[in-house]
Amino acid sequence: MRALSIRQPWAELIILGQKIIEVRSQRTNIRERVYIYAGRNKIEAEEEARIAAKFGIDVDGLPRGVLVGTVEIVGCRPLERSDSTPACFTSPTGLGVMPGCWSDRSGVRILRRLTGWDVAIWE
């Protein structure tokens, strides 16, 4: 099974069912269940603090560098401004490395949560 690498706390929000849209710079034709791999790198400190406050997440206690669950990619379409809430961001600048996030070329992966684990082991 394929894995989608996502930095914390985004990966945690996907597993909790709070983040149902993942924004990427390229579209995908993948429509299947994939692992969520919580990447080791952190997001911007201001964005991390906003998410911690809004969702009550202890971002420092989140697992990193491991598989944390699975989701099913069920669609992909261009990003719309109304996607900010289901994608858990507040503005295009909150996306950091996605300067063209509002263009028609950006891919939006619609995710459906299937399972989540408290602890996962990478083998």
PDB file of N, CA and C in Angstrom:
ATOM      1  N   MET A   1       0.852  -1.177   0.000  1.00  0.00           N
ATOM      2  CA  MET A   1       0.000   0.000   0.000  1.00  0.00           C
ATOM      3  C   MET A   1       0.896   1.239   0.000  1.00  0.00           C
ATOM      4  N   ARG A   2       0.476   2.288  -0.699  1.00  0.00           N
ATOM      5  CA  ARG A   2       1.229   3.535  -0.772  1.00  0.00           C
ATOM      6  C   ARG A   2       1.095   4.321   0.531  1.00  0.00           C
ATOM      7  N   ALA A   3       1.999   5.272   0.713  1.00  0.00           N
ATOM      8  CA  ALA A   3       1.940   6.144   1.884  1.00  0.00           C
ATOM      9  C   ALA A   3       1.982   7.595   1.437  1.00  0.00           C
ATOM     10  N   LEU A   4       1.264   8.438   2.154  1.00  0.00           N
ATOM     11  CA  LEU A   4       1.246   9.874   1.924  1.00  0.00           C
ATOM     12  C   LEU A   4       1.937  10.517   3.121  1.00  0.00           C
ATOM     13  N   SER A   5       3.048  11.211   2.878  1.00  0.00           N
ATOM     14  CA  SER A   5       3.795  11.849   3.956  1.00  0.00           C
ATOM     15  C   SER A   5       3.189  13.217   4.248  1.00  0.00           C
ATOM     16  N   ILE A   6       2.812  13.416   5.509  1.00  0.00           N
ATOM     17  CA  ILE A   6       2.173  14.666   5.932  1.00  0.00           C
ATOM     18  C   ILE A   6       2.783  15.076   7.268  1.00  0.00           C
ATOM     19  N   ARG A   7       3.152  16.341   7.378  1.00  0.00           N
ATOM     20  CA  ARG A   7       3.732  16.823   8.629  1.00  0.00           C
ATOM     21  C   ARG A   7       2.657  16.922   9.704  1.00  0.00           C
ATOM     22  N   GLN A   8       3.114  16.773  10.947  1.00  0.00           N
ATOM     23  CA  GLN A   8       2.240  16.987  12.091  1.00  0.00           C
ATOM     24  C   GLN A   8       2.100  18.494  12.316  1.00  0.00           C
ATOM     25  N   PRO A   9       0.992  18.967  12.787  1.00  0.00           N
ATOM     26  CA  PRO A   9      -0.191  18.263  13.259  1.00  0.00           C
ATOM     27  C   PRO A   9      -1.223  17.953  12.175  1.00  0.00           C
ATOM     28  N   TRP A  10      -0.877  18.235  10.903  1.00  0.00           N
ATOM     29  CA  TRP A  10      -1.835  17.941   9.823  1.00  0.00           C
ATOM     30  C   TRP A  10      -2.213  16.463   9.802  1.00  0.00           C
ATOM     31  N   ALA A  11      -1.227  15.576   9.959  1.00  0.00           N
ATOM     32  CA  ALA A  11      -1.511  14.135   9.942  1.00  0.00           C
ATOM     33  C   ALA A  11      -2.496  13.767  11.043  1.00  0.00           C
ATOM     34  N   GLU A  12      -2.313  14.326  12.232  1.00  0.00           N
ATOM     35  CA  GLU A  12      -3.222  14.048  13.353  1.00  0.00           C
ATOM     36  C   GLU A  12      -4.640  14.525  13.047  1.00  0.00           C
ATOM     37  N   LEU A  13      -4.754  15.702  12.435  1.00  0.00           N
ATOM     38  CA  LEU A  13      -6.083  16.227  12.098  1.00  0.00           C
ATOM     39  C   LEU A  13      -6.787  15.357  11.060  1.00  0.00           C
ATOM     40  N   ILE A  14      -6.024  14.764  10.156  1.00  0.00           N
ATOM     41  CA  ILE A  14      -6.619  13.840   9.186  1.00  0.00           C
ATOM     42  C   ILE A  14      -7.140  12.601   9.907  1.00  0.00           C
ATOM     43  N   ILE A  15      -6.336  12.035  10.795  1.00  0.00           N
ATOM     44  CA  ILE A  15      -6.747  10.836  11.526  1.00  0.00           C
ATOM     45  C   ILE A  15      -7.963  11.118  12.407  1.00  0.00           C
ATOM     46  N   LEU A  16      -8.041  12.326  12.964  1.00  0.00           N
ATOM     47  CA  LEU A  16      -9.186  12.695  13.798  1.00  0.00           C
ATOM     48  C   LEU A  16     -10.441  13.016  12.984  1.00  0.00           C
ATOM     49  N   GLY A  17     -10.298  13.112  11.658  1.00  0.00           N
ATOM     50  CA  GLY A  17     -11.433  13.434  10.806  1.00  0.00           C
ATOM     51  C   GLY A  17     -11.723  14.921  10.712  1.00  0.00           C
ATOM     52  N   GLN A  18     -10.841  15.752  11.236  1.00  0.00           N
ATOM     53  CA  GLN A  18     -11.015  17.205  11.182  1.00  0.00           C
ATOM     54  C   GLN A  18     -10.551  17.775   9.844  1.00  0.00           C
ATOM     55  N   LYS A  19      -9.515  17.206   9.278  1.00  0.00           N
ATOM     56  CA  LYS A  19      -8.953  17.671   7.999  1.00  0.00           C
ATOM     57  C   LYS A  19      -9.330  16.645   6.938  1.00  0.00           C
ATOM     58  N   ILE A  20     -10.250  17.015   6.074  1.00  0.00           N
ATOM     59  CA  ILE A  20     -10.726  16.066   5.063  1.00  0.00           C
ATOM     60  C   ILE A  20     -10.238  16.416   3.654  1.00  0.00           C
ATOM     61  N   ILE A  21      -9.484  17.499   3.557  1.00  0.00           N
ATOM     62  CA  ILE A  21      -8.891  17.890   2.277  1.00  0.00           C
ATOM     63  C   ILE A  21      -7.404  18.104   2.473  1.00  0.00           C
ATOM     64  N   GLU A  22      -6.610  17.464   1.636  1.00  0.00           N
ATOM     65  CA  GLU A  22      -5.160  17.648   1.652  1.00  0.00           C
ATOM     66  C   GLU A  22      -4.771  18.393   0.384  1.00  0.00           C
ATOM     67  N   VAL A  23      -4.051  19.488   0.535  1.00  0.00           N
ATOM     68  CA  VAL A  23      -3.682  20.336  -0.594  1.00  0.00           C
ATOM     69  C   VAL A  23      -2.265  20.000  -1.033  1.00  0.00           C
ATOM     70  N   ARG A  24      -2.115  19.734  -2.315  1.00  0.00           N
ATOM     71  CA  ARG A  24      -0.811  19.434  -2.900  1.00  0.00           C
ATOM     72  C   ARG A  24      -0.625  20.270  -4.164  1.00  0.00           C
ATOM     73  N   SER A  25       0.613  20.423  -4.598  1.00  0.00           N
ATOM     74  CA  SER A  25       0.906  21.237  -5.779  1.00  0.00           C
ATOM     75  C   SER A  25       0.581  20.519  -7.085  1.00  0.00           C
ATOM     76  N   GLN A  26       0.403  19.207  -7.033  1.00  0.00           N
ATOM     77  CA  GLN A  26       0.079  18.450  -8.239  1.00  0.00           C
ATOM     78  C   GLN A  26      -1.153  17.586  -8.006  1.00  0.00           C
ATOM     79  N   ARG A  27      -1.907  17.420  -9.061  1.00  0.00           N
ATOM     80  CA  ARG A  27      -3.073  16.534  -8.984  1.00  0.00           C
ATOM     81  C   ARG A  27      -2.625  15.084  -8.912  1.00  0.00           C
ATOM     82  N   THR A  28      -3.565  14.217  -8.530  1.00  0.00           N
ATOM     83  CA  THR A  28      -3.271  12.785  -8.490  1.00  0.00           C
ATOM     84  C   THR A  28      -4.447  12.009  -9.073  1.00  0.00           C
ATOM     85  N   ASN A  29      -4.133  10.877  -9.670  1.00  0.00           N
ATOM     86  CA  ASN A  29      -5.170   9.962 -10.156  1.00  0.00           C
ATOM     87  C   ASN A  29      -5.383   8.814  -9.180  1.00  0.00           C
ATOM     88  N   ILE A  30      -4.670   8.826  -8.072  1.00  0.00           N
ATOM     89  CA  ILE A  30      -4.785   7.748  -7.086  1.00  0.00           C
ATOM     90  C   ILE A  30      -6.149   7.827  -6.418  1.00  0.00           C
ATOM     91  N   ARG A  31      -6.859   6.706  -6.395  1.00  0.00           N
ATOM     92  CA  ARG A  31      -8.142   6.575  -5.709  1.00  0.00           C
ATOM     93  C   ARG A  31      -8.096   5.248  -4.967  1.00  0.00           C
ATOM     94  N   GLU A  32      -7.487   5.274  -3.812  1.00  0.00           N
ATOM     95  CA  GLU A  32      -7.328   4.041  -3.046  1.00  0.00           C
ATOM     96  C   GLU A  32      -6.986   4.395  -1.607  1.00  0.00           C
ATOM     97  N   ARG A  33      -6.951   3.385  -0.778  1.00  0.00           N
ATOM     98  CA  ARG A  33      -6.545   3.565   0.602  1.00  0.00           C
ATOM     99  C   ARG A  33      -5.024   3.705   0.649  1.00  0.00           C
ATOM    100  N   VAL A  34      -4.545   4.675   1.441  1.00  0.00           N
ATOM    101  CA  VAL A  34      -3.115   4.910   1.602  1.00  0.00           C
ATOM    102  C   VAL A  34      -2.797   5.082   3.085  1.00  0.00           C
ATOM    103  N   TYR A  35      -1.556   4.758   3.454  1.00  0.00           N
ATOM    104  CA  TYR A  35      -1.097   5.037   4.806  1.00  0.00           C
ATOM    105  C   TYR A  35      -0.846   6.533   4.959  1.00  0.00           C
ATOM    106  N   ILE A  36      -1.033   7.028   6.157  1.00  0.00           N
ATOM    107  CA  ILE A  36      -0.605   8.377   6.500  1.00  0.00           C
ATOM    108  C   ILE A  36       0.689   8.243   7.287  1.00  0.00           C
ATOM    109  N   TYR A  37       1.751   8.801   6.733  1.00  0.00           N
ATOM    110  CA  TYR A  37       3.053   8.807   7.390  1.00  0.00           C
ATOM    111  C   TYR A  37       3.251  10.193   7.983  1.00  0.00           C
ATOM    112  N   ALA A  38       3.409  10.273   9.296  1.00  0.00           N
ATOM    113  CA  ALA A  38       3.651  11.551   9.970  1.00  0.00           C
ATOM    114  C   ALA A  38       5.117  11.907   9.789  1.00  0.00           C
ATOM    115  N   GLY A  39       5.381  12.910   8.954  1.00  0.00           N
ATOM    116  CA  GLY A  39       6.754  13.309   8.687  1.00  0.00           C
ATOM    117  C   GLY A  39       7.463  13.843   9.922  1.00  0.00           C
ATOM    118  N   ARG A  40       8.769  13.877   9.849  1.00  0.00           N
ATOM    119  CA  ARG A  40       9.577  14.336  10.978  1.00  0.00           C
ATOM    120  C   ARG A  40       9.652  15.858  11.076  1.00  0.00           C
ATOM    121  N   ASN A  41       9.513  16.557   9.968  1.00  0.00           N
ATOM    122  CA  ASN A  41       9.653  18.008   9.962  1.00  0.00           C
ATOM    123  C   ASN A  41       8.438  18.703  10.555  1.00  0.00           C
ATOM    124  N   LYS A  42       8.676  19.883  11.115  1.00  0.00           N
ATOM    125  CA  LYS A  42       7.606  20.673  11.713  1.00  0.00           C
ATOM    126  C   LYS A  42       7.093  21.710  10.729  1.00  0.00           C
ATOM    127  N   ILE A  43       5.870  22.162  10.974  1.00  0.00           N
ATOM    128  CA  ILE A  43       5.320  23.269  10.204  1.00  0.00           C
ATOM    129  C   ILE A  43       5.736  24.571  10.891  1.00  0.00           C
ATOM    130  N   GLU A  44       5.335  25.707  10.333  1.00  0.00           N
ATOM    131  CA  GLU A  44       5.675  27.001  10.902  1.00  0.00           C
ATOM    132  C   GLU A  44       5.123  27.107  12.323  1.00  0.00           C
ATOM    133  N   ALA A  45       5.899  27.722  13.215  1.00  0.00           N
ATOM    134  CA  ALA A  45       5.542  27.803  14.637  1.00  0.00           C
ATOM    135  C   ALA A  45       4.204  28.500  14.863  1.00  0.00           C
ATOM    136  N   GLU A  46       3.928  29.570  14.121  1.00  0.00           N
ATOM    137  CA  GLU A  46       2.668  30.303  14.296  1.00  0.00           C
ATOM    138  C   GLU A  46       1.471  29.447  13.911  1.00  0.00           C
ATOM    139  N   GLU A  47       1.605  28.710  12.829  1.00  0.00           N
ATOM    140  CA  GLU A  47       0.526  27.833  12.376  1.00  0.00           C
ATOM    141  C   GLU A  47       0.340  26.664  13.346  1.00  0.00           C
ATOM    142  N   GLU A  48       1.436  26.147  13.856  1.00  0.00           N
ATOM    143  CA  GLU A  48       1.367  25.067  14.829  1.00  0.00           C
ATOM    144  C   GLU A  48       0.635  25.525  16.094  1.00  0.00           C
ATOM    145  N   ALA A  49       0.928  26.744  16.556  1.00  0.00           N
ATOM    146  CA  ALA A  49       0.270  27.295  17.752  1.00  0.00           C
ATOM    147  C   ALA A  49      -1.223  27.507  17.503  1.00  0.00           C
ATOM    148  N   ARG A  50      -1.579  27.970  16.306  1.00  0.00           N
ATOM    149  CA  ARG A  50      -2.997  28.177  15.965  1.00  0.00           C
ATOM    150  C   ARG A  50      -3.759  26.859  16.000  1.00  0.00           C
ATOM    151  N   ILE A  51      -3.174  25.833  15.424  1.00  0.00           N
ATOM    152  CA  ILE A  51      -3.824  24.525  15.381  1.00  0.00           C
ATOM    153  C   ILE A  51      -3.943  23.935  16.785  1.00  0.00           C
ATOM    154  N   ALA A  52      -2.887  24.066  17.578  1.00  0.00           N
ATOM    155  CA  ALA A  52      -2.909  23.554  18.950  1.00  0.00           C
ATOM    156  C   ALA A  52      -4.039  24.192  19.737  1.00  0.00           C
ATOM    157  N   ALA A  53      -4.195  25.501  19.593  1.00  0.00           N
ATOM    158  CA  ALA A  53      -5.243  26.218  20.327  1.00  0.00           C
ATOM    159  C   ALA A  53      -6.632  25.862  19.804  1.00  0.00           C
ATOM    160  N   LYS A  54      -6.791  25.830  18.506  1.00  0.00           N
ATOM    161  CA  LYS A  54      -8.112  25.588  17.918  1.00  0.00           C
ATOM    162  C   LYS A  54      -8.617  24.169  18.163  1.00  0.00           C
ATOM    163  N   PHE A  55      -7.730  23.181  18.063  1.00  0.00           N
ATOM    164  CA  PHE A  55      -8.146  21.787  18.154  1.00  0.00           C
ATOM    165  C   PHE A  55      -7.756  21.112  19.467  1.00  0.00           C
ATOM    166  N   GLY A  56      -7.074  21.834  20.357  1.00  0.00           N
ATOM    167  CA  GLY A  56      -6.688  21.267  21.645  1.00  0.00           C
ATOM    168  C   GLY A  56      -5.701  20.124  21.530  1.00  0.00           C
ATOM    169  N   ILE A  57      -4.745  20.250  20.620  1.00  0.00           N
ATOM    170  CA  ILE A  57      -3.776  19.193  20.365  1.00  0.00           C
ATOM    171  C   ILE A  57      -2.435  19.558  20.998  1.00  0.00           C
ATOM    172  N   ASP A  58      -1.819  18.603  21.684  1.00  0.00           N
ATOM    173  CA  ASP A  58      -0.459  18.763  22.192  1.00  0.00           C
ATOM    174  C   ASP A  58       0.486  18.414  21.053  1.00  0.00           C
ATOM    175  N   VAL A  59       0.873  19.417  20.285  1.00  0.00           N
ATOM    176  CA  VAL A  59       1.663  19.154  19.083  1.00  0.00           C
ATOM    177  C   VAL A  59       3.030  18.560  19.391  1.00  0.00           C
ATOM    178  N   ASP A  60       3.592  18.867  20.549  1.00  0.00           N
ATOM    179  CA  ASP A  60       4.899  18.312  20.902  1.00  0.00           C
ATOM    180  C   ASP A  60       4.819  16.823  21.233  1.00  0.00           C
ATOM    181  N   GLY A  61       3.637  16.338  21.599  1.00  0.00           N
ATOM    182  CA  GLY A  61       3.465  14.932  21.941  1.00  0.00           C
ATOM    183  C   GLY A  61       3.031  14.054  20.780  1.00  0.00           C
ATOM    184  N   LEU A  62       2.886  14.633  19.595  1.00  0.00           N
ATOM    185  CA  LEU A  62       2.433  13.853  18.443  1.00  0.00           C
ATOM    186  C   LEU A  62       3.560  12.976  17.894  1.00  0.00           C
ATOM    187  N   PRO A  63       3.214  11.779  17.422  1.00  0.00           N
ATOM    188  CA  PRO A  63       4.237  10.907  16.835  1.00  0.00           C
ATOM    189  C   PRO A  63       4.757  11.480  15.520  1.00  0.00           C
ATOM    190  N   ARG A  64       6.043  11.336  15.292  1.00  0.00           N
ATOM    191  CA  ARG A  64       6.680  11.798  14.050  1.00  0.00           C
ATOM    192  C   ARG A  64       7.582  10.695  13.527  1.00  0.00           C
ATOM    193  N   GLY A  65       7.653  10.602  12.201  1.00  0.00           N
ATOM    194  CA  GLY A  65       8.507   9.592  11.592  1.00  0.00           C
ATOM    195  C   GLY A  65       7.927   8.191  11.614  1.00  0.00           C
ATOM    196  N   VAL A  66       6.596   8.080  11.746  1.00  0.00           N
ATOM    197  CA  VAL A  66       5.933   6.772  11.790  1.00  0.00           C
ATOM    198  C   VAL A  66       4.626   6.819  10.997  1.00  0.00           C
ATOM    199  N   LEU A  67       4.110   5.642  10.686  1.00  0.00           N
ATOM    200  CA  LEU A  67       2.779   5.531  10.110  1.00  0.00           C
ATOM    201  C   LEU A  67       1.771   5.740  11.238  1.00  0.00           C
ATOM    202  N   VAL A  68       0.745   6.555  10.990  1.00  0.00           N
ATOM    203  CA  VAL A  68      -0.224   6.847  12.050  1.00  0.00           C
ATOM    204  C   VAL A  68      -1.644   6.402  11.712  1.00  0.00           C
ATOM    205  N   GLY A  69      -1.879   5.933  10.504  1.00  0.00           N
ATOM    206  CA  GLY A  69      -3.216   5.482  10.143  1.00  0.00           C
ATOM    207  C   GLY A  69      -3.365   5.356   8.649  1.00  0.00           C
ATOM    208  N   THR A  70      -4.597   5.216   8.208  1.00  0.00           N
ATOM    209  CA  THR A  70      -4.887   5.127   6.778  1.00  0.00           C
ATOM    210  C   THR A  70      -6.073   6.004   6.438  1.00  0.00           C
ATOM    211  N   VAL A  71      -6.106   6.446   5.198  1.00  0.00           N
ATOM    212  CA  VAL A  71      -7.250   7.163   4.646  1.00  0.00           C
ATOM    213  C   VAL A  71      -7.462   6.660   3.225  1.00  0.00           C
ATOM    214  N   GLU A  72      -8.618   6.960   2.696  1.00  0.00           N
ATOM    215  CA  GLU A  72      -8.889   6.645   1.303  1.00  0.00           C
ATOM    216  C   GLU A  72      -8.956   7.944   0.526  1.00  0.00           C
ATOM    217  N   ILE A  73      -8.185   8.024  -0.547  1.00  0.00           N
ATOM    218  CA  ILE A  73      -8.286   9.178  -1.446  1.00  0.00           C
ATOM    219  C   ILE A  73      -9.456   8.885  -2.373  1.00  0.00           C
ATOM    220  N   VAL A  74     -10.477   9.725  -2.315  1.00  0.00           N
ATOM    221  CA  VAL A  74     -11.697   9.472  -3.075  1.00  0.00           C
ATOM    222  C   VAL A  74     -11.926  10.482  -4.189  1.00  0.00           C
ATOM    223  N   GLY A  75     -11.039  11.468  -4.333  1.00  0.00           N
ATOM    224  CA  GLY A  75     -11.211  12.441  -5.395  1.00  0.00           C
ATOM    225  C   GLY A  75     -10.077  13.437  -5.419  1.00  0.00           C
ATOM    226  N   CYS A  76     -10.023  14.212  -6.501  1.00  0.00           N
ATOM    227  CA  CYS A  76      -9.031  15.264  -6.646  1.00  0.00           C
ATOM    228  C   CYS A  76      -9.620  16.319  -7.570  1.00  0.00           C
ATOM    229  N   ARG A  77      -9.545  17.585  -7.138  1.00  0.00           N
ATOM    230  CA  ARG A  77     -10.101  18.679  -7.935  1.00  0.00           C
ATOM    231  C   ARG A  77      -9.341  19.953  -7.609  1.00  0.00           C
ATOM    232  N   PRO A  78      -9.536  21.008  -8.394  1.00  0.00           N
ATOM    233  CA  PRO A  78      -8.866  22.277  -8.076  1.00  0.00           C
ATOM    234  C   PRO A  78      -9.333  22.838  -6.732  1.00  0.00           C
ATOM    235  N   LEU A  79      -8.430  23.515  -6.072  1.00  0.00           N
ATOM    236  CA  LEU A  79      -8.712  24.129  -4.778  1.00  0.00           C
ATOM    237  C   LEU A  79      -9.641  25.323  -4.939  1.00  0.00           C
ATOM    238  N   GLU A  80     -10.569  25.468  -4.000  1.00  0.00           N
ATOM    239  CA  GLU A  80     -11.484  26.610  -3.976  1.00  0.00           C
ATOM    240  C   GLU A  80     -11.313  27.335  -2.646  1.00  0.00           C
ATOM    241  N   ARG A  81     -11.640  28.620  -2.597  1.00  0.00           N
ATOM    242  CA  ARG A  81     -11.511  29.385  -1.355  1.00  0.00           C
ATOM    243  C   ARG A  81     -12.352  28.770  -0.234  1.00  0.00           C
ATOM    244  N   SER A  82     -13.462  28.173  -0.546  1.00  0.00           N
ATOM    245  CA  SER A  82     -14.321  27.576   0.475  1.00  0.00           C
ATOM    246  C   SER A  82     -13.712  26.310   1.095  1.00  0.00           C
ATOM    247  N   ASP A  83     -12.596  25.842   0.558  1.00  0.00           N
ATOM    248  CA  ASP A  83     -11.941  24.649   1.087  1.00  0.00           C
ATOM    249  C   ASP A  83     -11.088  24.923   2.323  1.00  0.00           C
ATOM    250  N   SER A  84     -10.962  26.170   2.744  1.00  0.00           N
ATOM    251  CA  SER A  84     -10.054  26.476   3.857  1.00  0.00           C
ATOM    252  C   SER A  84     -10.456  25.770   5.150  1.00  0.00           C
ATOM    253  N   THR A  85     -11.735  25.688   5.461  1.00  0.00           N
ATOM    254  CA  THR A  85     -12.158  25.020   6.702  1.00  0.00           C
ATOM    255  C   THR A  85     -11.925  23.510   6.640  1.00  0.00           C
ATOM    256  N   PRO A  86     -12.399  22.793   5.609  1.00  0.00           N
ATOM    257  CA  PRO A  86     -12.132  21.345   5.587  1.00  0.00           C
ATOM    258  C   PRO A  86     -10.658  20.994   5.387  1.00  0.00           C
ATOM    259  N   ALA A  87      -9.844  21.952   4.906  1.00  0.00           N
ATOM    260  CA  ALA A  87      -8.411  21.710   4.760  1.00  0.00           C
ATOM    261  C   ALA A  87      -7.635  22.220   5.978  1.00  0.00           C
ATOM    262  N   CYS A  88      -8.342  22.855   6.922  1.00  0.00           N
ATOM    263  CA  CYS A  88      -7.758  23.329   8.195  1.00  0.00           C
ATOM    264  C   CYS A  88      -6.691  24.398   8.031  1.00  0.00           C
ATOM    265  N   PHE A  89      -6.873  25.318   7.093  1.00  0.00           N
ATOM    266  CA  PHE A  89      -5.984  26.468   7.037  1.00  0.00           C
ATOM    267  C   PHE A  89      -6.818  27.735   6.973  1.00  0.00           C
ATOM    268  N   THR A  90      -6.183  28.867   7.247  1.00  0.00           N
ATOM    269  CA  THR A  90      -6.920  30.123   7.313  1.00  0.00           C
ATOM    270  C   THR A  90      -6.661  31.046   6.140  1.00  0.00           C
ATOM    271  N   SER A  91      -5.532  30.898   5.472  1.00  0.00           N
ATOM    272  CA  SER A  91      -5.215  31.777   4.354  1.00  0.00           C
ATOM    273  C   SER A  91      -4.171  31.117   3.474  1.00  0.00           C
ATOM    274  N   PRO A  92      -4.004  31.621   2.243  1.00  0.00           N
ATOM    275  CA  PRO A  92      -2.969  31.047   1.389  1.00  0.00           C
ATOM    276  C   PRO A  92      -1.588  31.166   2.004  1.00  0.00           C
ATOM    277  N   THR A  93      -1.322  32.219   2.783  1.00  0.00           N
ATOM    278  CA  THR A  93       0.000  32.372   3.383  1.00  0.00           C
ATOM    279  C   THR A  93       0.235  31.323   4.454  1.00  0.00           C
ATOM    280  N   GLY A  94      -0.817  30.728   5.009  1.00  0.00           N
ATOM    281  CA  GLY A  94      -0.675  29.677   6.004  1.00  0.00           C
ATOM    282  C   GLY A  94      -0.167  28.376   5.419  1.00  0.00           C
ATOM    283  N   LEU A  95      -0.098  28.302   4.101  1.00  0.00           N
ATOM    284  CA  LEU A  95       0.357  27.076   3.463  1.00  0.00           C
ATOM    285  C   LEU A  95       1.864  27.027   3.261  1.00  0.00           C
ATOM    286  N   GLY A  96       2.549  28.110   3.507  1.00  0.00           N
ATOM    287  CA  GLY A  96       4.009  28.111   3.424  1.00  0.00           C
ATOM    288  C   GLY A  96       4.551  27.840   2.037  1.00  0.00           C
ATOM    289  N   VAL A  97       4.797  26.583   1.696  1.00  0.00           N
ATOM    290  CA  VAL A  97       5.451  26.239   0.440  1.00  0.00           C
ATOM    291  C   VAL A  97       4.482  26.165  -0.742  1.00  0.00           C
ATOM    292  N   MET A  98       3.279  26.614  -0.583  1.00  0.00           N
ATOM    293  CA  MET A  98       2.285  26.522  -1.649  1.00  0.00           C
ATOM    294  C   MET A  98       1.893  27.900  -2.162  1.00  0.00           C
ATOM    295  N   PRO A  99       2.815  28.675  -2.760  1.00  0.00           N
ATOM    296  CA  PRO A  99       2.472  30.029  -3.175  1.00  0.00           C
ATOM    297  C   PRO A  99       1.387  30.089  -4.239  1.00  0.00           C
ATOM    298  N   GLY A 100       1.238  29.048  -5.044  1.00  0.00           N
ATOM    299  CA  GLY A 100       0.216  29.033  -6.083  1.00  0.00           C
ATOM    300  C   GLY A 100      -1.007  28.233  -5.689  1.00  0.00           C
ATOM    301  N   CYS A 101      -1.307  28.180  -4.405  1.00  0.00           N
ATOM    302  CA  CYS A 101      -2.327  27.250  -3.929  1.00  0.00           C
ATOM    303  C   CYS A 101      -3.722  27.565  -4.440  1.00  0.00           C
ATOM    304  N   TRP A 102      -3.970  28.783  -4.850  1.00  0.00           N
ATOM    305  CA  TRP A 102      -5.327  29.117  -5.297  1.00  0.00           C
ATOM    306  C   TRP A 102      -5.501  28.960  -6.802  1.00  0.00           C
ATOM    307  N   SER A 103      -4.484  28.528  -7.500  1.00  0.00           N
ATOM    308  CA  SER A 103      -4.607  28.390  -8.943  1.00  0.00           C
ATOM    309  C   SER A 103      -5.292  27.080  -9.308  1.00  0.00           C
ATOM    310  N   ASP A 104      -5.753  26.987 -10.538  1.00  0.00           N
ATOM    311  CA  ASP A 104      -6.425  25.781 -11.010  1.00  0.00           C
ATOM    312  C   ASP A 104      -5.467  24.595 -11.126  1.00  0.00           C
ATOM    313  N   ARG A 105      -4.183  24.830 -11.066  1.00  0.00           N
ATOM    314  CA  ARG A 105      -3.223  23.746 -11.207  1.00  0.00           C
ATOM    315  C   ARG A 105      -3.025  22.971  -9.912  1.00  0.00           C
ATOM    316  N   SER A 106      -3.456  23.532  -8.790  1.00  0.00           N
ATOM    317  CA  SER A 106      -3.258  22.838  -7.520  1.00  0.00           C
ATOM    318  C   SER A 106      -4.212  21.664  -7.390  1.00  0.00           C
ATOM    319  N   GLY A 107      -3.743  20.614  -6.783  1.00  0.00           N
ATOM    320  CA  GLY A 107      -4.590  19.452  -6.568  1.00  0.00           C
ATOM    321  C   GLY A 107      -5.144  19.425  -5.163  1.00  0.00           C
ATOM    322  N   VAL A 108      -6.401  19.079  -5.031  1.00  0.00           N
ATOM    323  CA  VAL A 108      -7.036  18.904  -3.730  1.00  0.00           C
ATOM    324  C   VAL A 108      -7.432  17.452  -3.626  1.00  0.00           C
ATOM    325  N   ARG A 109      -6.871  16.750  -2.672  1.00  0.00           N
ATOM    326  CA  ARG A 109      -7.198  15.345  -2.488  1.00  0.00           C
ATOM    327  C   ARG A 109      -8.280  15.250  -1.429  1.00  0.00           C
ATOM    328  N   ILE A 110      -9.384  14.690  -1.771  1.00  0.00           N
ATOM    329  CA  ILE A 110     -10.483  14.528  -0.840  1.00  0.00           C
ATOM    330  C   ILE A 110     -10.261  13.202  -0.112  1.00  0.00           C
ATOM    331  N   LEU A 111     -10.190  13.287   1.193  1.00  0.00           N
ATOM    332  CA  LEU A 111      -9.828  12.120   1.988  1.00  0.00           C
ATOM    333  C   LEU A 111     -11.008  11.613   2.797  1.00  0.00           C
ATOM    334  N   ARG A 112     -11.085  10.315   2.987  1.00  0.00           N
ATOM    335  CA  ARG A 112     -12.077   9.704   3.865  1.00  0.00           C
ATOM    336  C   ARG A 112     -11.329   8.854   4.870  1.00  0.00           C
ATOM    337  N   ARG A 113     -11.510   9.150   6.144  1.00  0.00           N
ATOM    338  CA  ARG A 113     -10.801   8.437   7.202  1.00  0.00           C
ATOM    339  C   ARG A 113     -11.291   6.999   7.274  1.00  0.00           C
ATOM    340  N   LEU A 114     -10.365   6.061   7.378  1.00  0.00           N
ATOM    341  CA  LEU A 114     -10.732   4.661   7.537  1.00  0.00           C
ATOM    342  C   LEU A 114     -10.333   4.135   8.904  1.00  0.00           C
ATOM    343  N   THR A 115      -9.050   4.247   9.247  1.00  0.00           N
ATOM    344  CA  THR A 115      -8.608   3.754  10.549  1.00  0.00           C
ATOM    345  C   THR A 115      -7.526   4.653  11.097  1.00  0.00           C
ATOM    346  N   GLY A 116      -7.337   4.623  12.397  1.00  0.00           N
ATOM    347  CA  GLY A 116      -6.242   5.364  13.023  1.00  0.00           C
ATOM    348  C   GLY A 116      -5.664   4.527  14.138  1.00  0.00           C
ATOM    349  N   TRP A 117      -4.408   4.743  14.415  1.00  0.00           N
ATOM    350  CA  TRP A 117      -3.734   4.004  15.479  1.00  0.00           C
ATOM    351  C   TRP A 117      -3.124   5.005  16.445  1.00  0.00           C
ATOM    352  N   ASP A 118      -3.023   4.628  17.717  1.00  0.00           N
ATOM    353  CA  ASP A 118      -2.326   5.464  18.682  1.00  0.00           C
ATOM    354  C   ASP A 118      -0.820   5.369  18.481  1.00  0.00           C
ATOM    355  N   VAL A 119      -0.349   4.180  18.159  1.00  0.00           N
ATOM    356  CA  VAL A 119       1.079   3.959  17.953  1.00  0.00           C
ATOM    357  C   VAL A 119       1.254   3.126  16.704  1.00  0.00           C
ATOM    358  N   ALA A 120       2.240   3.465  15.911  1.00  0.00           N
ATOM    359  CA  ALA A 120       2.539   2.664  14.718  1.00  0.00           C
ATOM    360  C   ALA A 120       4.036   2.440  14.660  1.00  0.00           C
ATOM    361  N   ILE A 121       4.446   1.337  14.060  1.00  0.00           N
ATOM    362  CA  ILE A 121       5.863   1.001  13.943  1.00  0.00           C
ATOM    363  C   ILE A 121       6.221   0.976  12.464  1.00  0.00           C
ATOM    364  N   TRP A 122       7.277   1.686  12.119  1.00  0.00           N
ATOM    365  CA  TRP A 122       7.766   1.694  10.741  1.00  0.00           C
ATOM    366  C   TRP A 122       8.745   0.542  10.593  1.00  0.00           C
ATOM    367  N   GLU A 123       8.471  -0.376   9.668  1.00  0.00           N
ATOM    368  CA  GLU A 123       9.371  -1.529   9.475  1.00  0.00           C
ATOM    369  C   GLU A 123      10.009  -1.459   8.113  1.00  0.00           C
TER     370      GLU A 123
END
